Amino acid sequence: MSTRPIELLGGESVYCINESQLKNAFRLANDDPQSAPRIQAEIAALEEKLSRNERAALAFVLIDRLLKTGSS
């Protein structure tokens, strides 16, 4: 029995990520000497284990949790 992909694109916008936030995220994930290797390792592991839709779901849930918990 195959599972049908869940559509995660389209619909009304819920979260807004500005250009500065995205630029800082890429800097941390790609250039920061301490964080980049850890982040890249987690991305590689997730890309190996999870489907595209599962990774998208995880990203949305993480963003939602970050918004609800505030800064730490």
PDB file of N, CA and C in Angstrom:
ATOM      1  N   MET A   1       0.850  -1.178   0.000  1.00  0.00           N
ATOM      2  CA  MET A   1       0.000   0.000   0.000  1.00  0.00           C
ATOM      3  C   MET A   1       0.892   1.236   0.000  1.00  0.00           C
ATOM      4  N   SER A   2       0.799   2.055  -1.036  1.00  0.00           N
ATOM      5  CA  SER A   2       1.613   3.263  -1.084  1.00  0.00           C
ATOM      6  C   SER A   2       0.857   4.423  -0.457  1.00  0.00           C
ATOM      7  N   THR A   3       1.617   5.314   0.128  1.00  0.00           N
ATOM      8  CA  THR A   3       0.992   6.480   0.742  1.00  0.00           C
ATOM      9  C   THR A   3       1.063   7.644  -0.226  1.00  0.00           C
ATOM     10  N   ARG A   4       0.013   8.408  -0.282  1.00  0.00           N
ATOM     11  CA  ARG A   4      -0.054   9.573  -1.146  1.00  0.00           C
ATOM     12  C   ARG A   4       0.643  10.734  -0.462  1.00  0.00           C
ATOM     13  N   PRO A   5       1.480  11.491  -1.206  1.00  0.00           N
ATOM     14  CA  PRO A   5       2.151  12.641  -0.595  1.00  0.00           C
ATOM     15  C   PRO A   5       1.144  13.668  -0.085  1.00  0.00           C
ATOM     16  N   ILE A   6       1.489  14.300   1.008  1.00  0.00           N
ATOM     17  CA  ILE A   6       0.653  15.359   1.578  1.00  0.00           C
ATOM     18  C   ILE A   6       1.126  16.681   0.993  1.00  0.00           C
ATOM     19  N   GLU A   7       0.224  17.438   0.418  1.00  0.00           N
ATOM     20  CA  GLU A   7       0.576  18.716  -0.188  1.00  0.00           C
ATOM     21  C   GLU A   7       0.854  19.746   0.909  1.00  0.00           C
ATOM     22  N   LEU A   8       2.066  20.284   0.907  1.00  0.00           N
ATOM     23  CA  LEU A   8       2.436  21.275   1.919  1.00  0.00           C
ATOM     24  C   LEU A   8       2.615  22.669   1.320  1.00  0.00           C
ATOM     25  N   LEU A   9       2.396  22.801   0.035  1.00  0.00           N
ATOM     26  CA  LEU A   9       2.530  24.096  -0.620  1.00  0.00           C
ATOM     27  C   LEU A   9       1.153  24.676  -0.884  1.00  0.00           C
ATOM     28  N   GLY A  10       1.097  25.970  -1.065  1.00  0.00           N
ATOM     29  CA  GLY A  10      -0.167  26.621  -1.362  1.00  0.00           C
ATOM     30  C   GLY A  10      -0.884  27.036  -0.092  1.00  0.00           C
ATOM     31  N   GLY A  11      -1.978  27.722  -0.252  1.00  0.00           N
ATOM     32  CA  GLY A  11      -2.748  28.173   0.904  1.00  0.00           C
ATOM     33  C   GLY A  11      -2.309  29.541   1.378  1.00  0.00           C
ATOM     34  N   GLU A  12      -2.931  29.971   2.416  1.00  0.00           N
ATOM     35  CA  GLU A  12      -2.677  31.293   2.985  1.00  0.00           C
ATOM     36  C   GLU A  12      -1.367  31.312   3.765  1.00  0.00           C
ATOM     37  N   SER A  13      -0.647  32.432   3.707  1.00  0.00           N
ATOM     38  CA  SER A  13       0.609  32.571   4.451  1.00  0.00           C
ATOM     39  C   SER A  13       0.335  32.634   5.941  1.00  0.00           C
ATOM     40  N   VAL A  14       1.193  31.962   6.715  1.00  0.00           N
ATOM     41  CA  VAL A  14       1.052  31.942   8.164  1.00  0.00           C
ATOM     42  C   VAL A  14       2.273  32.586   8.817  1.00  0.00           C
ATOM     43  N   TYR A  15       3.458  32.222   8.362  1.00  0.00           N
ATOM     44  CA  TYR A  15       4.694  32.729   8.952  1.00  0.00           C
ATOM     45  C   TYR A  15       5.415  33.606   7.952  1.00  0.00           C
ATOM     46  N   CYS A  16       6.006  34.669   8.442  1.00  0.00           N
ATOM     47  CA  CYS A  16       6.779  35.566   7.594  1.00  0.00           C
ATOM     48  C   CYS A  16       8.227  35.536   8.079  1.00  0.00           C
ATOM     49  N   ILE A  17       9.121  35.177   7.179  1.00  0.00           N
ATOM     50  CA  ILE A  17      10.543  35.183   7.489  1.00  0.00           C
ATOM     51  C   ILE A  17      11.154  36.285   6.637  1.00  0.00           C
ATOM     52  N   ASN A  18      11.769  37.268   7.290  1.00  0.00           N
ATOM     53  CA  ASN A  18      12.308  38.362   6.501  1.00  0.00           C
ATOM     54  C   ASN A  18      13.704  38.024   5.969  1.00  0.00           C
ATOM     55  N   GLU A  19      14.166  38.840   5.046  1.00  0.00           N
ATOM     56  CA  GLU A  19      15.435  38.595   4.364  1.00  0.00           C
ATOM     57  C   GLU A  19      16.607  38.562   5.344  1.00  0.00           C
ATOM     58  N   SER A  20      16.586  39.401   6.344  1.00  0.00           N
ATOM     59  CA  SER A  20      17.659  39.439   7.339  1.00  0.00           C
ATOM     60  C   SER A  20      17.702  38.146   8.159  1.00  0.00           C
ATOM     61  N   GLN A  21      16.544  37.655   8.562  1.00  0.00           N
ATOM     62  CA  GLN A  21      16.485  36.405   9.315  1.00  0.00           C
ATOM     63  C   GLN A  21      17.023  35.247   8.480  1.00  0.00           C
ATOM     64  N   LEU A  22      16.648  35.199   7.214  1.00  0.00           N
ATOM     65  CA  LEU A  22      17.104  34.134   6.335  1.00  0.00           C
ATOM     66  C   LEU A  22      18.615  34.219   6.121  1.00  0.00           C
ATOM     67  N   LYS A  23      19.113  35.430   5.919  1.00  0.00           N
ATOM     68  CA  LYS A  23      20.562  35.636   5.737  1.00  0.00           C
ATOM     69  C   LYS A  23      21.323  35.175   6.980  1.00  0.00           C
ATOM     70  N   ASN A  24      20.832  35.530   8.165  1.00  0.00           N
ATOM     71  CA  ASN A  24      21.486  35.115   9.410  1.00  0.00           C
ATOM     72  C   ASN A  24      21.417  33.607   9.617  1.00  0.00           C
ATOM     73  N   ALA A  25      20.305  33.001   9.215  1.00  0.00           N
ATOM     74  CA  ALA A  25      20.171  31.547   9.335  1.00  0.00           C
ATOM     75  C   ALA A  25      21.194  30.848   8.440  1.00  0.00           C
ATOM     76  N   PHE A  26      21.340  31.309   7.211  1.00  0.00           N
ATOM     77  CA  PHE A  26      22.321  30.709   6.307  1.00  0.00           C
ATOM     78  C   PHE A  26      23.743  30.919   6.811  1.00  0.00           C
ATOM     79  N   ARG A  27      24.021  32.089   7.382  1.00  0.00           N
ATOM     80  CA  ARG A  27      25.350  32.347   7.932  1.00  0.00           C
ATOM     81  C   ARG A  27      25.648  31.367   9.063  1.00  0.00           C
ATOM     82  N   LEU A  28      24.706  31.196   9.967  1.00  0.00           N
ATOM     83  CA  LEU A  28      24.889  30.285  11.097  1.00  0.00           C
ATOM     84  C   LEU A  28      25.043  28.838  10.608  1.00  0.00           C
ATOM     85  N   ALA A  29      24.236  28.454   9.631  1.00  0.00           N
ATOM     86  CA  ALA A  29      24.253  27.082   9.135  1.00  0.00           C
ATOM     87  C   ALA A  29      25.430  26.765   8.225  1.00  0.00           C
ATOM     88  N   ASN A  30      25.999  27.783   7.590  1.00  0.00           N
ATOM     89  CA  ASN A  30      27.060  27.527   6.610  1.00  0.00           C
ATOM     90  C   ASN A  30      28.435  28.071   6.982  1.00  0.00           C
ATOM     91  N   ASP A  31      28.499  29.139   7.760  1.00  0.00           N
ATOM     92  CA  ASP A  31      29.770  29.827   7.974  1.00  0.00           C
ATOM     93  C   ASP A  31      30.258  29.854   9.419  1.00  0.00           C
ATOM     94  N   ASP A  32      29.370  29.711  10.379  1.00  0.00           N
ATOM     95  CA  ASP A  32      29.772  29.796  11.780  1.00  0.00           C
ATOM     96  C   ASP A  32      30.647  28.589  12.139  1.00  0.00           C
ATOM     97  N   PRO A  33      31.841  28.836  12.688  1.00  0.00           N
ATOM     98  CA  PRO A  33      32.770  27.728  12.943  1.00  0.00           C
ATOM     99  C   PRO A  33      32.261  26.678  13.937  1.00  0.00           C
ATOM    100  N   GLN A  34      31.425  27.057  14.871  1.00  0.00           N
ATOM    101  CA  GLN A  34      30.908  26.084  15.839  1.00  0.00           C
ATOM    102  C   GLN A  34      29.572  25.493  15.401  1.00  0.00           C
ATOM    103  N   SER A  35      28.664  26.338  14.966  1.00  0.00           N
ATOM    104  CA  SER A  35      27.309  25.877  14.650  1.00  0.00           C
ATOM    105  C   SER A  35      27.197  25.191  13.289  1.00  0.00           C
ATOM    106  N   ALA A  36      27.901  25.692  12.301  1.00  0.00           N
ATOM    107  CA  ALA A  36      27.744  25.159  10.940  1.00  0.00           C
ATOM    108  C   ALA A  36      27.989  23.649  10.849  1.00  0.00           C
ATOM    109  N   PRO A  37      29.063  23.119  11.420  1.00  0.00           N
ATOM    110  CA  PRO A  37      29.261  21.667  11.312  1.00  0.00           C
ATOM    111  C   PRO A  37      28.140  20.857  11.975  1.00  0.00           C
ATOM    112  N   ARG A  38      27.641  21.326  13.111  1.00  0.00           N
ATOM    113  CA  ARG A  38      26.554  20.616  13.797  1.00  0.00           C
ATOM    114  C   ARG A  38      25.263  20.681  12.990  1.00  0.00           C
ATOM    115  N   ILE A  39      24.954  21.866  12.494  1.00  0.00           N
ATOM    116  CA  ILE A  39      23.730  22.036  11.701  1.00  0.00           C
ATOM    117  C   ILE A  39      23.809  21.212  10.420  1.00  0.00           C
ATOM    118  N   GLN A  40      24.942  21.271   9.737  1.00  0.00           N
ATOM    119  CA  GLN A  40      25.094  20.515   8.486  1.00  0.00           C
ATOM    120  C   GLN A  40      24.990  19.009   8.725  1.00  0.00           C
ATOM    121  N   ALA A  41      25.525  18.541   9.835  1.00  0.00           N
ATOM    122  CA  ALA A  41      25.420  17.114  10.167  1.00  0.00           C
ATOM    123  C   ALA A  41      23.967  16.710  10.406  1.00  0.00           C
ATOM    124  N   GLU A  42      23.225  17.547  11.105  1.00  0.00           N
ATOM    125  CA  GLU A  42      21.807  17.248  11.356  1.00  0.00           C
ATOM    126  C   GLU A  42      21.000  17.288  10.063  1.00  0.00           C
ATOM    127  N   ILE A  43      21.291  18.258   9.205  1.00  0.00           N
ATOM    128  CA  ILE A  43      20.590  18.338   7.921  1.00  0.00           C
ATOM    129  C   ILE A  43      20.850  17.080   7.108  1.00  0.00           C
ATOM    130  N   ALA A  44      22.104  16.657   7.036  1.00  0.00           N
ATOM    131  CA  ALA A  44      22.445  15.452   6.273  1.00  0.00           C
ATOM    132  C   ALA A  44      21.723  14.223   6.830  1.00  0.00           C
ATOM    133  N   ALA A  45      21.688  14.099   8.145  1.00  0.00           N
ATOM    134  CA  ALA A  45      21.019  12.953   8.775  1.00  0.00           C
ATOM    135  C   ALA A  45      19.515  12.980   8.490  1.00  0.00           C
ATOM    136  N   LEU A  46      18.905  14.154   8.592  1.00  0.00           N
ATOM    137  CA  LEU A  46      17.469  14.269   8.340  1.00  0.00           C
ATOM    138  C   LEU A  46      17.134  14.006   6.879  1.00  0.00           C
ATOM    139  N   GLU A  47      17.984  14.508   5.972  1.00  0.00           N
ATOM    140  CA  GLU A  47      17.736  14.283   4.550  1.00  0.00           C
ATOM    141  C   GLU A  47      17.858  12.808   4.190  1.00  0.00           C
ATOM    142  N   GLU A  48      18.657  12.087   4.939  1.00  0.00           N
ATOM    143  CA  GLU A  48      18.816  10.650   4.701  1.00  0.00           C
ATOM    144  C   GLU A  48      17.630   9.854   5.238  1.00  0.00           C
ATOM    145  N   LYS A  49      17.073  10.313   6.382  1.00  0.00           N
ATOM    146  CA  LYS A  49      16.024   9.555   7.071  1.00  0.00           C
ATOM    147  C   LYS A  49      14.607   9.948   6.680  1.00  0.00           C
ATOM    148  N   LEU A  50      14.374  11.216   6.399  1.00  0.00           N
ATOM    149  CA  LEU A  50      13.011  11.718   6.206  1.00  0.00           C
ATOM    150  C   LEU A  50      12.729  12.059   4.745  1.00  0.00           C
ATOM    151  N   SER A  51      11.477  11.893   4.349  1.00  0.00           N
ATOM    152  CA  SER A  51      11.051  12.295   3.011  1.00  0.00           C
ATOM    153  C   SER A  51      10.994  13.824   2.935  1.00  0.00           C
ATOM    154  N   ARG A  52      10.801  14.319   1.746  1.00  0.00           N
ATOM    155  CA  ARG A  52      10.683  15.770   1.548  1.00  0.00           C
ATOM    156  C   ARG A  52       9.524  16.322   2.364  1.00  0.00           C
ATOM    157  N   ASN A  53       8.380  15.671   2.315  1.00  0.00           N
ATOM    158  CA  ASN A  53       7.219  16.149   3.076  1.00  0.00           C
ATOM    159  C   ASN A  53       7.460  16.076   4.578  1.00  0.00           C
ATOM    160  N   GLU A  54       8.131  15.037   5.027  1.00  0.00           N
ATOM    161  CA  GLU A  54       8.443  14.931   6.459  1.00  0.00           C
ATOM    162  C   GLU A  54       9.401  16.038   6.886  1.00  0.00           C
ATOM    163  N   ARG A  55      10.371  16.371   6.054  1.00  0.00           N
ATOM    164  CA  ARG A  55      11.301  17.467   6.382  1.00  0.00           C
ATOM    165  C   ARG A  55      10.570  18.803   6.411  1.00  0.00           C
ATOM    166  N   ALA A  56       9.646  18.998   5.472  1.00  0.00           N
ATOM    167  CA  ALA A  56       8.862  20.240   5.461  1.00  0.00           C
ATOM    168  C   ALA A  56       7.998  20.329   6.716  1.00  0.00           C
ATOM    169  N   ALA A  57       7.364  19.220   7.090  1.00  0.00           N
ATOM    170  CA  ALA A  57       6.537  19.210   8.301  1.00  0.00           C
ATOM    171  C   ALA A  57       7.389  19.531   9.520  1.00  0.00           C
ATOM    172  N   LEU A  58       8.564  18.937   9.608  1.00  0.00           N
ATOM    173  CA  LEU A  58       9.464  19.198  10.729  1.00  0.00           C
ATOM    174  C   LEU A  58       9.858  20.672  10.777  1.00  0.00           C
ATOM    175  N   ALA A  59      10.171  21.251   9.622  1.00  0.00           N
ATOM    176  CA  ALA A  59      10.553  22.671   9.575  1.00  0.00           C
ATOM    177  C   ALA A  59       9.423  23.556  10.086  1.00  0.00           C
ATOM    178  N   PHE A  60       8.204  23.288   9.633  1.00  0.00           N
ATOM    179  CA  PHE A  60       7.068  24.103  10.069  1.00  0.00           C
ATOM    180  C   PHE A  60       6.807  23.949  11.562  1.00  0.00           C
ATOM    181  N   VAL A  61       6.896  22.734  12.067  1.00  0.00           N
ATOM    182  CA  VAL A  61       6.661  22.498  13.492  1.00  0.00           C
ATOM    183  C   VAL A  61       7.749  23.179  14.327  1.00  0.00           C
ATOM    184  N   LEU A  62       8.997  23.105  13.883  1.00  0.00           N
ATOM    185  CA  LEU A  62      10.076  23.768  14.620  1.00  0.00           C
ATOM    186  C   LEU A  62       9.884  25.284  14.646  1.00  0.00           C
ATOM    187  N   ILE A  63       9.521  25.877  13.511  1.00  0.00           N
ATOM    188  CA  ILE A  63       9.275  27.319  13.478  1.00  0.00           C
ATOM    189  C   ILE A  63       8.126  27.679  14.424  1.00  0.00           C
ATOM    190  N   ASP A  64       7.058  26.908  14.395  1.00  0.00           N
ATOM    191  CA  ASP A  64       5.925  27.172  15.261  1.00  0.00           C
ATOM    192  C   ASP A  64       6.334  27.080  16.733  1.00  0.00           C
ATOM    193  N   ARG A  65       7.077  26.058  17.093  1.00  0.00           N
ATOM    194  CA  ARG A  65       7.531  25.910  18.484  1.00  0.00           C
ATOM    195  C   ARG A  65       8.442  27.053  18.900  1.00  0.00           C
ATOM    196  N   LEU A  66       9.319  27.500  17.998  1.00  0.00           N
ATOM    197  CA  LEU A  66      10.199  28.623  18.320  1.00  0.00           C
ATOM    198  C   LEU A  66       9.395  29.890  18.567  1.00  0.00           C
ATOM    199  N   LEU A  67       8.370  30.102  17.754  1.00  0.00           N
ATOM    200  CA  LEU A  67       7.528  31.278  17.946  1.00  0.00           C
ATOM    201  C   LEU A  67       6.769  31.231  19.261  1.00  0.00           C
ATOM    202  N   LYS A  68       6.336  30.051  19.663  1.00  0.00           N
ATOM    203  CA  LYS A  68       5.544  29.908  20.883  1.00  0.00           C
ATOM    204  C   LYS A  68       6.386  29.947  22.160  1.00  0.00           C
ATOM    205  N   THR A  69       7.666  29.561  22.069  1.00  0.00           N
ATOM    206  CA  THR A  69       8.496  29.527  23.269  1.00  0.00           C
ATOM    207  C   THR A  69       9.279  30.805  23.482  1.00  0.00           C
ATOM    208  N   GLY A  70       9.345  31.684  22.502  1.00  0.00           N
ATOM    209  CA  GLY A  70      10.108  32.916  22.649  1.00  0.00           C
ATOM    210  C   GLY A  70      11.596  32.642  22.611  1.00  0.00           C
ATOM    211  N   SER A  71      12.377  33.622  23.001  1.00  0.00           N
ATOM    212  CA  SER A  71      13.842  33.471  22.934  1.00  0.00           C
ATOM    213  C   SER A  71      14.362  32.781  24.188  1.00  0.00           C
ATOM    214  N   SER A  72      15.441  32.033  23.984  1.00  0.00           N
ATOM    215  CA  SER A  72      16.063  31.353  25.125  1.00  0.00           C
ATOM    216  C   SER A  72      17.560  31.419  25.014  1.00  0.00           C
TER     217      SER A  72
END
